[in-house]
């Protein structure tokens, strides 16, 4: 939906596991190579003419992974606590509500040259 944010995702290809689809979604939508996908939970969403089942996964970025410049206008890293300030799709809002309860990440702050950088770490 125009102007709304949502987590990267992909439909499962025939014979594909949710874990493989999560790795494919990461590279397709963000350009970032991910690793170690783990299932967190399932979100079901009904629309006017269809229903979807979303398997929410947690993946770690591969060492040295960065969003390529070509995709930087379309993708960004957002700390979990900041996601509420983004306009989300209804499915994205459901996912966020559950993530707050079960996210395997914790907030970490690092100081570098006097600047504080916040990031989520497993």
PDB file of N, CA and C in Angstrom:
ATOM      1  N   UNK A   1       0.847  -1.182   0.000  1.00  0.00           N
ATOM      2  CA  UNK A   1       0.000   0.000   0.000  1.00  0.00           C
ATOM      3  C   UNK A   1       0.893   1.245   0.000  1.00  0.00           C
ATOM      4  N   UNK A   2       0.502   2.200  -0.776  1.00  0.00           N
ATOM      5  CA  UNK A   2       1.308   3.413  -0.954  1.00  0.00           C
ATOM      6  C   UNK A   2       1.517   4.145   0.367  1.00  0.00           C
ATOM      7  N   UNK A   3       2.765   4.504   0.621  1.00  0.00           N
ATOM      8  CA  UNK A   3       3.094   5.290   1.805  1.00  0.00           C
ATOM      9  C   UNK A   3       3.185   4.499   3.096  1.00  0.00           C
ATOM     10  N   UNK A   4       2.916   3.199   3.066  1.00  0.00           N
ATOM     11  CA  UNK A   4       2.970   2.386   4.279  1.00  0.00           C
ATOM     12  C   UNK A   4       4.206   1.497   4.259  1.00  0.00           C
ATOM     13  N   UNK A   5       4.745   1.273   5.439  1.00  0.00           N
ATOM     14  CA  UNK A   5       5.934   0.453   5.581  1.00  0.00           C
ATOM     15  C   UNK A   5       5.528  -0.957   5.984  1.00  0.00           C
ATOM     16  N   UNK A   6       6.322  -1.933   5.565  1.00  0.00           N
ATOM     17  CA  UNK A   6       6.113  -3.303   5.999  1.00  0.00           C
ATOM     18  C   UNK A   6       7.447  -4.032   5.988  1.00  0.00           C
ATOM     19  N   UNK A   7       7.530  -5.105   6.775  1.00  0.00           N
ATOM     20  CA  UNK A   7       8.770  -5.880   6.770  1.00  0.00           C
ATOM     21  C   UNK A   7       8.951  -6.557   5.413  1.00  0.00           C
ATOM     22  N   UNK A   8      10.192  -6.857   5.026  1.00  0.00           N
ATOM     23  CA  UNK A   8      10.398  -7.572   3.765  1.00  0.00           C
ATOM     24  C   UNK A   8       9.768  -8.960   3.843  1.00  0.00           C
ATOM     25  N   UNK A   9       9.212  -9.410   2.756  1.00  0.00           N
ATOM     26  CA  UNK A   9       8.588 -10.732   2.736  1.00  0.00           C
ATOM     27  C   UNK A   9       8.443 -11.245   1.321  1.00  0.00           C
ATOM     28  N   UNK A  10       8.249 -12.518   1.193  1.00  0.00           N
ATOM     29  CA  UNK A  10       8.110 -13.183  -0.100  1.00  0.00           C
ATOM     30  C   UNK A  10       7.102 -14.309   0.020  1.00  0.00           C
ATOM     31  N   UNK A  11       6.417 -14.613  -1.085  1.00  0.00           N
ATOM     32  CA  UNK A  11       5.600 -15.809  -1.151  1.00  0.00           C
ATOM     33  C   UNK A  11       6.520 -17.013  -1.231  1.00  0.00           C
ATOM     34  N   UNK A  12       6.091 -18.124  -0.638  1.00  0.00           N
ATOM     35  CA  UNK A  12       6.882 -19.342  -0.727  1.00  0.00           C
ATOM     36  C   UNK A  12       6.813 -19.898  -2.140  1.00  0.00           C
ATOM     37  N   UNK A  13       7.952 -20.261  -2.670  1.00  0.00           N
ATOM     38  CA  UNK A  13       8.000 -20.948  -3.951  1.00  0.00           C
ATOM     39  C   UNK A  13       7.708 -22.428  -3.704  1.00  0.00           C
ATOM     40  N   UNK A  14       7.276 -23.129  -4.729  1.00  0.00           N
ATOM     41  CA  UNK A  14       6.954 -24.540  -4.574  1.00  0.00           C
ATOM     42  C   UNK A  14       8.160 -25.295  -4.014  1.00  0.00           C
ATOM     43  N   UNK A  15       7.935 -26.011  -2.909  1.00  0.00           N
ATOM     44  CA  UNK A  15       8.983 -26.793  -2.269  1.00  0.00           C
ATOM     45  C   UNK A  15       9.920 -25.997  -1.376  1.00  0.00           C
ATOM     46  N   UNK A  16       9.727 -24.686  -1.274  1.00  0.00           N
ATOM     47  CA  UNK A  16      10.623 -23.825  -0.491  1.00  0.00           C
ATOM     48  C   UNK A  16      10.201 -23.803   0.972  1.00  0.00           C
ATOM     49  N   UNK A  17      11.178 -23.726   1.866  1.00  0.00           N
ATOM     50  CA  UNK A  17      10.896 -23.595   3.296  1.00  0.00           C
ATOM     51  C   UNK A  17      10.766 -22.112   3.662  1.00  0.00           C
ATOM     52  N   UNK A  18      10.055 -21.805   4.749  1.00  0.00           N
ATOM     53  CA  UNK A  18      10.007 -20.412   5.203  1.00  0.00           C
ATOM     54  C   UNK A  18      11.400 -19.852   5.499  1.00  0.00           C
ATOM     55  N   UNK A  19      12.310 -20.703   5.955  1.00  0.00           N
ATOM     56  CA  UNK A  19      13.664 -20.247   6.251  1.00  0.00           C
ATOM     57  C   UNK A  19      14.374 -19.771   4.984  1.00  0.00           C
ATOM     58  N   UNK A  20      14.261 -20.524   3.921  1.00  0.00           N
ATOM     59  CA  UNK A  20      14.899 -20.127   2.661  1.00  0.00           C
ATOM     60  C   UNK A  20      14.229 -18.871   2.108  1.00  0.00           C
ATOM     61  N   UNK A  21      12.897 -18.792   2.203  1.00  0.00           N
ATOM     62  CA  UNK A  21      12.178 -17.606   1.718  1.00  0.00           C
ATOM     63  C   UNK A  21      12.616 -16.358   2.486  1.00  0.00           C
ATOM     64  N   UNK A  22      12.888 -16.493   3.788  1.00  0.00           N
ATOM     65  CA  UNK A  22      13.337 -15.348   4.589  1.00  0.00           C
ATOM     66  C   UNK A  22      14.689 -14.846   4.100  1.00  0.00           C
ATOM     67  N   UNK A  23      15.598 -15.754   3.793  1.00  0.00           N
ATOM     68  CA  UNK A  23      16.909 -15.359   3.285  1.00  0.00           C
ATOM     69  C   UNK A  23      16.770 -14.700   1.914  1.00  0.00           C
ATOM     70  N   UNK A  24      15.887 -15.249   1.083  1.00  0.00           N
ATOM     71  CA  UNK A  24      15.643 -14.678  -0.252  1.00  0.00           C
ATOM     72  C   UNK A  24      15.007 -13.294  -0.137  1.00  0.00           C
ATOM     73  N   UNK A  25      14.068 -13.128   0.806  1.00  0.00           N
ATOM     74  CA  UNK A  25      13.411 -11.830   1.000  1.00  0.00           C
ATOM     75  C   UNK A  25      14.414 -10.771   1.444  1.00  0.00           C
ATOM     76  N   UNK A  26      15.325 -11.144   2.325  1.00  0.00           N
ATOM     77  CA  UNK A  26      16.324 -10.181   2.803  1.00  0.00           C
ATOM     78  C   UNK A  26      17.152  -9.637   1.646  1.00  0.00           C
ATOM     79  N   UNK A  27      17.653 -10.521   0.798  1.00  0.00           N
ATOM     80  CA  UNK A  27      18.499 -10.060  -0.311  1.00  0.00           C
ATOM     81  C   UNK A  27      17.666  -9.345  -1.373  1.00  0.00           C
ATOM     82  N   UNK A  28      16.464  -9.833  -1.651  1.00  0.00           N
ATOM     83  CA  UNK A  28      15.619  -9.236  -2.691  1.00  0.00           C
ATOM     84  C   UNK A  28      15.166  -7.830  -2.326  1.00  0.00           C
ATOM     85  N   UNK A  29      14.726  -7.639  -1.078  1.00  0.00           N
ATOM     86  CA  UNK A  29      14.132  -6.362  -0.684  1.00  0.00           C
ATOM     87  C   UNK A  29      15.108  -5.370  -0.079  1.00  0.00           C
ATOM     88  N   UNK A  30      16.212  -5.859   0.476  1.00  0.00           N
ATOM     89  CA  UNK A  30      17.151  -4.938   1.128  1.00  0.00           C
ATOM     90  C   UNK A  30      18.554  -5.015   0.546  1.00  0.00           C
ATOM     91  N   UNK A  31      18.841  -6.058  -0.214  1.00  0.00           N
ATOM     92  CA  UNK A  31      20.185  -6.243  -0.730  1.00  0.00           C
ATOM     93  C   UNK A  31      21.144  -6.800   0.297  1.00  0.00           C
ATOM     94  N   UNK A  32      20.652  -7.140   1.478  1.00  0.00           N
ATOM     95  CA  UNK A  32      21.494  -7.626   2.569  1.00  0.00           C
ATOM     96  C   UNK A  32      21.452  -9.149   2.618  1.00  0.00           C
ATOM     97  N   UNK A  33      22.620  -9.744   2.685  1.00  0.00           N
ATOM     98  CA  UNK A  33      22.706 -11.192   2.862  1.00  0.00           C
ATOM     99  C   UNK A  33      22.481 -11.501   4.335  1.00  0.00           C
ATOM    100  N   UNK A  34      21.535 -12.395   4.594  1.00  0.00           N
ATOM    101  CA  UNK A  34      21.210 -12.779   5.968  1.00  0.00           C
ATOM    102  C   UNK A  34      21.639 -14.223   6.201  1.00  0.00           C
ATOM    103  N   UNK A  35      21.604 -14.607   7.462  1.00  0.00           N
ATOM    104  CA  UNK A  35      21.962 -15.970   7.831  1.00  0.00           C
ATOM    105  C   UNK A  35      21.192 -16.380   9.077  1.00  0.00           C
ATOM    106  N   UNK A  36      21.221 -17.660   9.389  1.00  0.00           N
ATOM    107  CA  UNK A  36      20.630 -18.219  10.610  1.00  0.00           C
ATOM    108  C   UNK A  36      19.153 -17.869  10.810  1.00  0.00           C
ATOM    109  N   UNK A  37      18.275 -18.121   9.826  1.00  0.00           N
ATOM    110  CA  UNK A  37      16.852 -17.799  10.014  1.00  0.00           C
ATOM    111  C   UNK A  37      16.210 -18.694  11.074  1.00  0.00           C
ATOM    112  N   UNK A  38      15.403 -18.081  11.929  1.00  0.00           N
ATOM    113  CA  UNK A  38      14.696 -18.805  12.984  1.00  0.00           C
ATOM    114  C   UNK A  38      13.245 -18.353  12.990  1.00  0.00           C
ATOM    115  N   UNK A  39      12.336 -19.305  13.080  1.00  0.00           N
ATOM    116  CA  UNK A  39      10.909 -18.979  13.130  1.00  0.00           C
ATOM    117  C   UNK A  39      10.569 -18.378  14.490  1.00  0.00           C
ATOM    118  N   UNK A  40       9.846 -17.247  14.447  1.00  0.00           N
ATOM    119  CA  UNK A  40       9.410 -16.603  15.689  1.00  0.00           C
ATOM    120  C   UNK A  40       7.942 -16.889  15.983  1.00  0.00           C
ATOM    121  N   UNK A  41       7.071 -16.606  15.019  1.00  0.00           N
ATOM    122  CA  UNK A  41       5.634 -16.802  15.215  1.00  0.00           C
ATOM    123  C   UNK A  41       4.921 -16.673  13.878  1.00  0.00           C
ATOM    124  N   UNK A  42       3.623 -16.939  13.890  1.00  0.00           N
ATOM    125  CA  UNK A  42       2.790 -16.840  12.687  1.00  0.00           C
ATOM    126  C   UNK A  42       1.730 -15.774  12.903  1.00  0.00           C
ATOM    127  N   UNK A  43       1.490 -14.960  11.880  1.00  0.00           N
ATOM    128  CA  UNK A  43       0.423 -13.949  11.891  1.00  0.00           C
ATOM    129  C   UNK A  43      -0.521 -14.277  10.746  1.00  0.00           C
ATOM    130  N   UNK A  44      -1.823 -14.319  11.051  1.00  0.00           N
ATOM    131  CA  UNK A  44      -2.830 -14.546  10.012  1.00  0.00           C
ATOM    132  C   UNK A  44      -3.573 -13.241   9.779  1.00  0.00           C
ATOM    133  N   UNK A  45      -3.805 -12.938   8.509  1.00  0.00           N
ATOM    134  CA  UNK A  45      -4.465 -11.679   8.134  1.00  0.00           C
ATOM    135  C   UNK A  45      -5.525 -11.978   7.083  1.00  0.00           C
ATOM    136  N   UNK A  46      -6.736 -11.465   7.306  1.00  0.00           N
ATOM    137  CA  UNK A  46      -7.823 -11.629   6.336  1.00  0.00           C
ATOM    138  C   UNK A  46      -8.037 -10.314   5.599  1.00  0.00           C
ATOM    139  N   UNK A  47      -8.187 -10.428   4.286  1.00  0.00           N
ATOM    140  CA  UNK A  47      -8.503  -9.288   3.436  1.00  0.00           C
ATOM    141  C   UNK A  47      -9.869  -9.544   2.799  1.00  0.00           C
ATOM    142  N   UNK A  48     -10.353  -8.629   2.011  1.00  0.00           N
ATOM    143  CA  UNK A  48     -11.685  -8.767   1.422  1.00  0.00           C
ATOM    144  C   UNK A  48     -11.837 -10.053   0.606  1.00  0.00           C
ATOM    145  N   UNK A  49     -10.843 -10.406  -0.188  1.00  0.00           N
ATOM    146  CA  UNK A  49     -10.982 -11.543  -1.088  1.00  0.00           C
ATOM    147  C   UNK A  49      -9.967 -12.661  -0.871  1.00  0.00           C
ATOM    148  N   UNK A  50      -9.139 -12.538   0.138  1.00  0.00           N
ATOM    149  CA  UNK A  50      -8.175 -13.601   0.404  1.00  0.00           C
ATOM    150  C   UNK A  50      -7.634 -13.487   1.828  1.00  0.00           C
ATOM    151  N   UNK A  51      -6.925 -14.515   2.228  1.00  0.00           N
ATOM    152  CA  UNK A  51      -6.265 -14.544   3.534  1.00  0.00           C
ATOM    153  C   UNK A  51      -4.792 -14.873   3.333  1.00  0.00           C
ATOM    154  N   UNK A  52      -3.972 -14.378   4.233  1.00  0.00           N
ATOM    155  CA  UNK A  52      -2.556 -14.711   4.181  1.00  0.00           C
ATOM    156  C   UNK A  52      -2.102 -15.215   5.549  1.00  0.00           C
ATOM    157  N   UNK A  53      -1.133 -16.097   5.515  1.00  0.00           N
ATOM    158  CA  UNK A  53      -0.471 -16.574   6.725  1.00  0.00           C
ATOM    159  C   UNK A  53       0.990 -16.178   6.595  1.00  0.00           C
ATOM    160  N   UNK A  54       1.485 -15.406   7.550  1.00  0.00           N
ATOM    161  CA  UNK A  54       2.861 -14.910   7.522  1.00  0.00           C
ATOM    162  C   UNK A  54       3.655 -15.618   8.609  1.00  0.00           C
ATOM    163  N   UNK A  55       4.716 -16.283   8.199  1.00  0.00           N
ATOM    164  CA  UNK A  55       5.651 -16.867   9.157  1.00  0.00           C
ATOM    165  C   UNK A  55       6.727 -15.820   9.393  1.00  0.00           C
ATOM    166  N   UNK A  56       6.772 -15.283  10.598  1.00  0.00           N
ATOM    167  CA  UNK A  56       7.731 -14.219  10.932  1.00  0.00           C
ATOM    168  C   UNK A  56       9.025 -14.871  11.378  1.00  0.00           C
ATOM    169  N   UNK A  57      10.106 -14.434  10.741  1.00  0.00           N
ATOM    170  CA  UNK A  57      11.418 -15.023  10.973  1.00  0.00           C
ATOM    171  C   UNK A  57      12.377 -13.987  11.555  1.00  0.00           C
ATOM    172  N   UNK A  58      13.346 -14.472  12.292  1.00  0.00           N
ATOM    173  CA  UNK A  58      14.449 -13.643  12.755  1.00  0.00           C
ATOM    174  C   UNK A  58      15.698 -14.131  12.036  1.00  0.00           C
ATOM    175  N   UNK A  59      16.402 -13.239  11.379  1.00  0.00           N
ATOM    176  CA  UNK A  59      17.659 -13.568  10.697  1.00  0.00           C
ATOM    177  C   UNK A  59      18.731 -12.609  11.176  1.00  0.00           C
ATOM    178  N   UNK A  60      19.934 -13.089  11.186  1.00  0.00           N
ATOM    179  CA  UNK A  60      21.080 -12.225  11.477  1.00  0.00           C
ATOM    180  C   UNK A  60      21.673 -11.761  10.153  1.00  0.00           C
ATOM    181  N   UNK A  61      22.130 -10.535  10.125  1.00  0.00           N
ATOM    182  CA  UNK A  61      22.835 -10.056   8.933  1.00  0.00           C
ATOM    183  C   UNK A  61      24.171 -10.770   8.852  1.00  0.00           C
ATOM    184  N   UNK A  62      24.547 -11.159   7.651  1.00  0.00           N
ATOM    185  CA  UNK A  62      25.850 -11.789   7.459  1.00  0.00           C
ATOM    186  C   UNK A  62      26.940 -10.783   7.822  1.00  0.00           C
ATOM    187  N   UNK A  63      28.099 -11.236   8.271  1.00  0.00           N
ATOM    188  CA  UNK A  63      29.179 -10.307   8.637  1.00  0.00           C
ATOM    189  C   UNK A  63      29.456  -9.309   7.513  1.00  0.00           C
ATOM    190  N   UNK A  64      29.519  -8.034   7.884  1.00  0.00           N
ATOM    191  CA  UNK A  64      29.813  -6.973   6.930  1.00  0.00           C
ATOM    192  C   UNK A  64      28.640  -6.550   6.065  1.00  0.00           C
ATOM    193  N   UNK A  65      27.442  -7.084   6.329  1.00  0.00           N
ATOM    194  CA  UNK A  65      26.273  -6.773   5.495  1.00  0.00           C
ATOM    195  C   UNK A  65      25.856  -5.319   5.658  1.00  0.00           C
ATOM    196  N   UNK A  66      25.566  -4.676   4.529  1.00  0.00           N
ATOM    197  CA  UNK A  66      25.083  -3.290   4.509  1.00  0.00           C
ATOM    198  C   UNK A  66      24.055  -3.173   3.406  1.00  0.00           C
ATOM    199  N   UNK A  67      23.122  -2.236   3.570  1.00  0.00           N
ATOM    200  CA  UNK A  67      22.143  -1.972   2.519  1.00  0.00           C
ATOM    201  C   UNK A  67      22.859  -1.281   1.366  1.00  0.00           C
ATOM    202  N   UNK A  68      22.779  -1.839   0.150  1.00  0.00           N
ATOM    203  CA  UNK A  68      23.436  -1.193  -0.993  1.00  0.00           C
ATOM    204  C   UNK A  68      22.858   0.201  -1.251  1.00  0.00           C
ATOM    205  N   UNK A  69      23.686   1.108  -1.734  1.00  0.00           N
ATOM    206  CA  UNK A  69      23.232   2.477  -2.005  1.00  0.00           C
ATOM    207  C   UNK A  69      22.034   2.522  -2.932  1.00  0.00           C
ATOM    208  N   UNK A  70      21.975   1.618  -3.906  1.00  0.00           N
ATOM    209  CA  UNK A  70      20.883   1.611  -4.870  1.00  0.00           C
ATOM    210  C   UNK A  70      19.530   1.363  -4.198  1.00  0.00           C
ATOM    211  N   UNK A  71      19.522   0.696  -3.036  1.00  0.00           N
ATOM    212  CA  UNK A  71      18.271   0.399  -2.333  1.00  0.00           C
ATOM    213  C   UNK A  71      18.059   1.286  -1.113  1.00  0.00           C
ATOM    214  N   UNK A  72      18.982   2.153  -0.812  1.00  0.00           N
ATOM    215  CA  UNK A  72      18.926   2.930   0.424  1.00  0.00           C
ATOM    216  C   UNK A  72      17.681   3.813   0.527  1.00  0.00           C
ATOM    217  N   UNK A  73      17.098   4.226  -0.602  1.00  0.00           N
ATOM    218  CA  UNK A  73      15.877   5.028  -0.550  1.00  0.00           C
ATOM    219  C   UNK A  73      14.654   4.195  -0.216  1.00  0.00           C
ATOM    220  N   UNK A  74      14.760   2.873  -0.332  1.00  0.00           N
ATOM    221  CA  UNK A  74      13.610   1.997  -0.148  1.00  0.00           C
ATOM    222  C   UNK A  74      13.705   1.130   1.090  1.00  0.00           C
ATOM    223  N   UNK A  75      14.858   1.065   1.717  1.00  0.00           N
ATOM    224  CA  UNK A  75      15.053   0.197   2.865  1.00  0.00           C
ATOM    225  C   UNK A  75      15.919   0.907   3.896  1.00  0.00           C
ATOM    226  N   UNK A  76      15.639   0.643   5.153  1.00  0.00           N
ATOM    227  CA  UNK A  76      16.433   1.233   6.223  1.00  0.00           C
ATOM    228  C   UNK A  76      16.367   0.330   7.444  1.00  0.00           C
ATOM    229  N   UNK A  77      17.395   0.387   8.280  1.00  0.00           N
ATOM    230  CA  UNK A  77      17.361  -0.322   9.560  1.00  0.00           C
ATOM    231  C   UNK A  77      16.618   0.566  10.550  1.00  0.00           C
ATOM    232  N   UNK A  78      15.651   0.006  11.240  1.00  0.00           N
ATOM    233  CA  UNK A  78      14.859   0.763  12.201  1.00  0.00           C
ATOM    234  C   UNK A  78      14.835  -0.010  13.520  1.00  0.00           C
ATOM    235  N   UNK A  79      15.254   0.611  14.610  1.00  0.00           N
ATOM    236  CA  UNK A  79      15.155  -0.064  15.908  1.00  0.00           C
ATOM    237  C   UNK A  79      13.701  -0.387  16.230  1.00  0.00           C
ATOM    238  N   UNK A  80      13.477  -1.513  16.873  1.00  0.00           N
ATOM    239  CA  UNK A  80      12.133  -1.965  17.191  1.00  0.00           C
ATOM    240  C   UNK A  80      11.311  -0.883  17.887  1.00  0.00           C
ATOM    241  N   UNK A  81      11.928  -0.179  18.816  1.00  0.00           N
ATOM    242  CA  UNK A  81      11.175   0.837  19.572  1.00  0.00           C
ATOM    243  C   UNK A  81      10.772   2.029  18.709  1.00  0.00           C
ATOM    244  N   UNK A  82      11.392   2.207  17.551  1.00  0.00           N
ATOM    245  CA  UNK A  82      11.050   3.330  16.663  1.00  0.00           C
ATOM    246  C   UNK A  82      10.001   2.974  15.607  1.00  0.00           C
ATOM    247  N   UNK A  83       9.687   1.694  15.447  1.00  0.00           N
ATOM    248  CA  UNK A  83       8.764   1.284  14.387  1.00  0.00           C
ATOM    249  C   UNK A  83       7.366   1.877  14.521  1.00  0.00           C
ATOM    250  N   UNK A  84       6.941   2.141  15.753  1.00  0.00           N
ATOM    251  CA  UNK A  84       5.597   2.710  15.947  1.00  0.00           C
ATOM    252  C   UNK A  84       5.441   4.072  15.292  1.00  0.00           C
ATOM    253  N   UNK A  85       6.523   4.765  15.050  1.00  0.00           N
ATOM    254  CA  UNK A  85       6.430   6.094  14.443  1.00  0.00           C
ATOM    255  C   UNK A  85       6.284   6.023  12.921  1.00  0.00           C
ATOM    256  N   UNK A  86       6.362   4.812  12.336  1.00  0.00           N
ATOM    257  CA  UNK A  86       6.204   4.629  10.896  1.00  0.00           C
ATOM    258  C   UNK A  86       4.770   4.192  10.594  1.00  0.00           C
ATOM    259  N   UNK A  87       4.190   4.686   9.495  1.00  0.00           N
ATOM    260  CA  UNK A  87       2.854   4.204   9.110  1.00  0.00           C
ATOM    261  C   UNK A  87       2.993   2.777   8.558  1.00  0.00           C
ATOM    262  N   UNK A  88       2.358   1.816   9.219  1.00  0.00           N
ATOM    263  CA  UNK A  88       2.507   0.409   8.866  1.00  0.00           C
ATOM    264  C   UNK A  88       1.241  -0.139   8.212  1.00  0.00           C
ATOM    265  N   UNK A  89       1.414  -1.175   7.378  1.00  0.00           N
ATOM    266  CA  UNK A  89       0.261  -1.912   6.868  1.00  0.00           C
ATOM    267  C   UNK A  89      -0.402  -2.610   8.050  1.00  0.00           C
ATOM    268  N   UNK A  90      -1.627  -3.083   7.874  1.00  0.00           N
ATOM    269  CA  UNK A  90      -2.304  -3.773   8.980  1.00  0.00           C
ATOM    270  C   UNK A  90      -1.538  -5.030   9.385  1.00  0.00           C
ATOM    271  N   UNK A  91      -0.991  -5.740   8.417  1.00  0.00           N
ATOM    272  CA  UNK A  91      -0.190  -6.918   8.742  1.00  0.00           C
ATOM    273  C   UNK A  91       1.088  -6.500   9.466  1.00  0.00           C
ATOM    274  N   UNK A  92       1.731  -5.440   9.016  1.00  0.00           N
ATOM    275  CA  UNK A  92       2.925  -4.931   9.682  1.00  0.00           C
ATOM    276  C   UNK A  92       2.648  -4.546  11.124  1.00  0.00           C
ATOM    277  N   UNK A  93       1.478  -3.939  11.392  1.00  0.00           N
ATOM    278  CA  UNK A  93       1.112  -3.555  12.759  1.00  0.00           C
ATOM    279  C   UNK A  93       0.924  -4.789  13.638  1.00  0.00           C
ATOM    280  N   UNK A  94       0.319  -5.843  13.090  1.00  0.00           N
ATOM    281  CA  UNK A  94       0.164  -7.088  13.854  1.00  0.00           C
ATOM    282  C   UNK A  94       1.528  -7.699  14.174  1.00  0.00           C
ATOM    283  N   UNK A  95       2.403  -7.693  13.188  1.00  0.00           N
ATOM    284  CA  UNK A  95       3.743  -8.238  13.394  1.00  0.00           C
ATOM    285  C   UNK A  95       4.477  -7.442  14.467  1.00  0.00           C
ATOM    286  N   UNK A  96       4.391  -6.112  14.408  1.00  0.00           N
ATOM    287  CA  UNK A  96       5.059  -5.270  15.403  1.00  0.00           C
ATOM    288  C   UNK A  96       4.550  -5.566  16.808  1.00  0.00           C
ATOM    289  N   UNK A  97       3.242  -5.713  16.967  1.00  0.00           N
ATOM    290  CA  UNK A  97       2.679  -5.993  18.291  1.00  0.00           C
ATOM    291  C   UNK A  97       3.253  -7.289  18.866  1.00  0.00           C
ATOM    292  N   UNK A  98       3.357  -8.312  18.034  1.00  0.00           N
ATOM    293  CA  UNK A  98       3.918  -9.581  18.495  1.00  0.00           C
ATOM    294  C   UNK A  98       5.424  -9.483  18.720  1.00  0.00           C
ATOM    295  N   UNK A  99       6.138  -8.751  17.851  1.00  0.00           N
ATOM    296  CA  UNK A  99       7.587  -8.610  18.018  1.00  0.00           C
ATOM    297  C   UNK A  99       7.940  -8.006  19.367  1.00  0.00           C
ATOM    298  N   UNK A 100       7.135  -7.045  19.799  1.00  0.00           N
ATOM    299  CA  UNK A 100       7.401  -6.412  21.092  1.00  0.00           C
ATOM    300  C   UNK A 100       7.365  -7.429  22.226  1.00  0.00           C
ATOM    301  N   UNK A 101       6.579  -8.489  22.038  1.00  0.00           N
ATOM    302  CA  UNK A 101       6.453  -9.511  23.082  1.00  0.00           C
ATOM    303  C   UNK A 101       7.557 -10.556  23.015  1.00  0.00           C
ATOM    304  N   UNK A 102       8.022 -10.877  21.801  1.00  0.00           N
ATOM    305  CA  UNK A 102       8.908 -12.031  21.669  1.00  0.00           C
ATOM    306  C   UNK A 102      10.240 -11.764  20.995  1.00  0.00           C
ATOM    307  N   UNK A 103      10.546 -10.536  20.646  1.00  0.00           N
ATOM    308  CA  UNK A 103      11.760 -10.263  19.877  1.00  0.00           C
ATOM    309  C   UNK A 103      12.988 -10.809  20.582  1.00  0.00           C
ATOM    310  N   UNK A 104      13.798 -11.599  19.846  1.00  0.00           N
ATOM    311  CA  UNK A 104      15.012 -12.137  20.451  1.00  0.00           C
ATOM    312  C   UNK A 104      16.135 -11.107  20.484  1.00  0.00           C
ATOM    313  N   UNK A 105      15.818  -9.873  20.109  1.00  0.00           N
ATOM    314  CA  UNK A 105      16.835  -8.826  20.070  1.00  0.00           C
ATOM    315  C   UNK A 105      16.818  -8.028  21.364  1.00  0.00           C
ATOM    316  N   UNK A 106      17.897  -7.385  21.620  1.00  0.00           N
ATOM    317  CA  UNK A 106      17.961  -6.443  22.722  1.00  0.00           C
ATOM    318  C   UNK A 106      18.624  -5.183  22.199  1.00  0.00           C
ATOM    319  N   UNK A 107      18.290  -4.089  22.811  1.00  0.00           N
ATOM    320  CA  UNK A 107      18.871  -2.833  22.359  1.00  0.00           C
ATOM    321  C   UNK A 107      20.306  -2.738  22.864  1.00  0.00           C
ATOM    322  N   UNK A 108      21.180  -2.305  21.997  1.00  0.00           N
ATOM    323  CA  UNK A 108      22.574  -2.135  22.374  1.00  0.00           C
ATOM    324  C   UNK A 108      23.019  -0.753  21.913  1.00  0.00           C
ATOM    325  N   UNK A 109      23.704  -0.055  22.762  1.00  0.00           N
ATOM    326  CA  UNK A 109      24.249   1.243  22.392  1.00  0.00           C
ATOM    327  C   UNK A 109      25.764   1.148  22.399  1.00  0.00           C
ATOM    328  N   UNK A 110      26.363   1.705  21.389  1.00  0.00           N
ATOM    329  CA  UNK A 110      27.822   1.756  21.343  1.00  0.00           C
ATOM    330  C   UNK A 110      28.244   3.191  21.143  1.00  0.00           C
ATOM    331  N   UNK A 111      29.343   3.564  21.722  1.00  0.00           N
ATOM    332  CA  UNK A 111      29.858   4.920  21.555  1.00  0.00           C
ATOM    333  C   UNK A 111      31.092   4.867  20.682  1.00  0.00           C
ATOM    334  N   UNK A 112      31.105   5.738  19.696  1.00  0.00           N
ATOM    335  CA  UNK A 112      32.250   5.796  18.791  1.00  0.00           C
ATOM    336  C   UNK A 112      32.536   7.258  18.508  1.00  0.00           C
ATOM    337  N   UNK A 113      33.730   7.687  18.830  1.00  0.00           N
ATOM    338  CA  UNK A 113      34.134   9.072  18.614  1.00  0.00           C
ATOM    339  C   UNK A 113      33.105  10.066  19.160  1.00  0.00           C
ATOM    340  N   UNK A 114      32.595   9.777  20.344  1.00  0.00           N
ATOM    341  CA  UNK A 114      31.674  10.701  20.983  1.00  0.00           C
ATOM    342  C   UNK A 114      30.227  10.620  20.506  1.00  0.00           C
ATOM    343  N   UNK A 115      29.948   9.774  19.516  1.00  0.00           N
ATOM    344  CA  UNK A 115      28.580   9.627  19.025  1.00  0.00           C
ATOM    345  C   UNK A 115      28.000   8.304  19.518  1.00  0.00           C
ATOM    346  N   UNK A 116      26.710   8.322  19.860  1.00  0.00           N
ATOM    347  CA  UNK A 116      26.039   7.113  20.293  1.00  0.00           C
ATOM    348  C   UNK A 116      25.326   6.496  19.109  1.00  0.00           C
ATOM    349  N   UNK A 117      25.557   5.222  18.901  1.00  0.00           N
ATOM    350  CA  UNK A 117      24.895   4.500  17.824  1.00  0.00           C
ATOM    351  C   UNK A 117      24.037   3.416  18.467  1.00  0.00           C
ATOM    352  N   UNK A 118      22.762   3.344  18.080  1.00  0.00           N
ATOM    353  CA  UNK A 118      21.871   2.319  18.604  1.00  0.00           C
ATOM    354  C   UNK A 118      21.651   1.264  17.537  1.00  0.00           C
ATOM    355  N   UNK A 119      21.649   0.017  17.958  1.00  0.00           N
ATOM    356  CA  UNK A 119      21.363  -1.061  17.021  1.00  0.00           C
ATOM    357  C   UNK A 119      20.719  -2.215  17.768  1.00  0.00           C
ATOM    358  N   UNK A 120      20.039  -3.071  17.033  1.00  0.00           N
ATOM    359  CA  UNK A 120      19.465  -4.270  17.629  1.00  0.00           C
ATOM    360  C   UNK A 120      20.427  -5.418  17.414  1.00  0.00           C
ATOM    361  N   UNK A 121      20.620  -6.196  18.452  1.00  0.00           N
ATOM    362  CA  UNK A 121      21.508  -7.335  18.343  1.00  0.00           C
ATOM    363  C   UNK A 121      20.787  -8.564  18.869  1.00  0.00           C
ATOM    364  N   UNK A 122      21.134  -9.749  18.328  1.00  0.00           N
ATOM    365  CA  UNK A 122      20.486 -10.980  18.816  1.00  0.00           C
ATOM    366  C   UNK A 122      20.933 -11.315  20.215  1.00  0.00           C
TER     367      UNK A 122
END
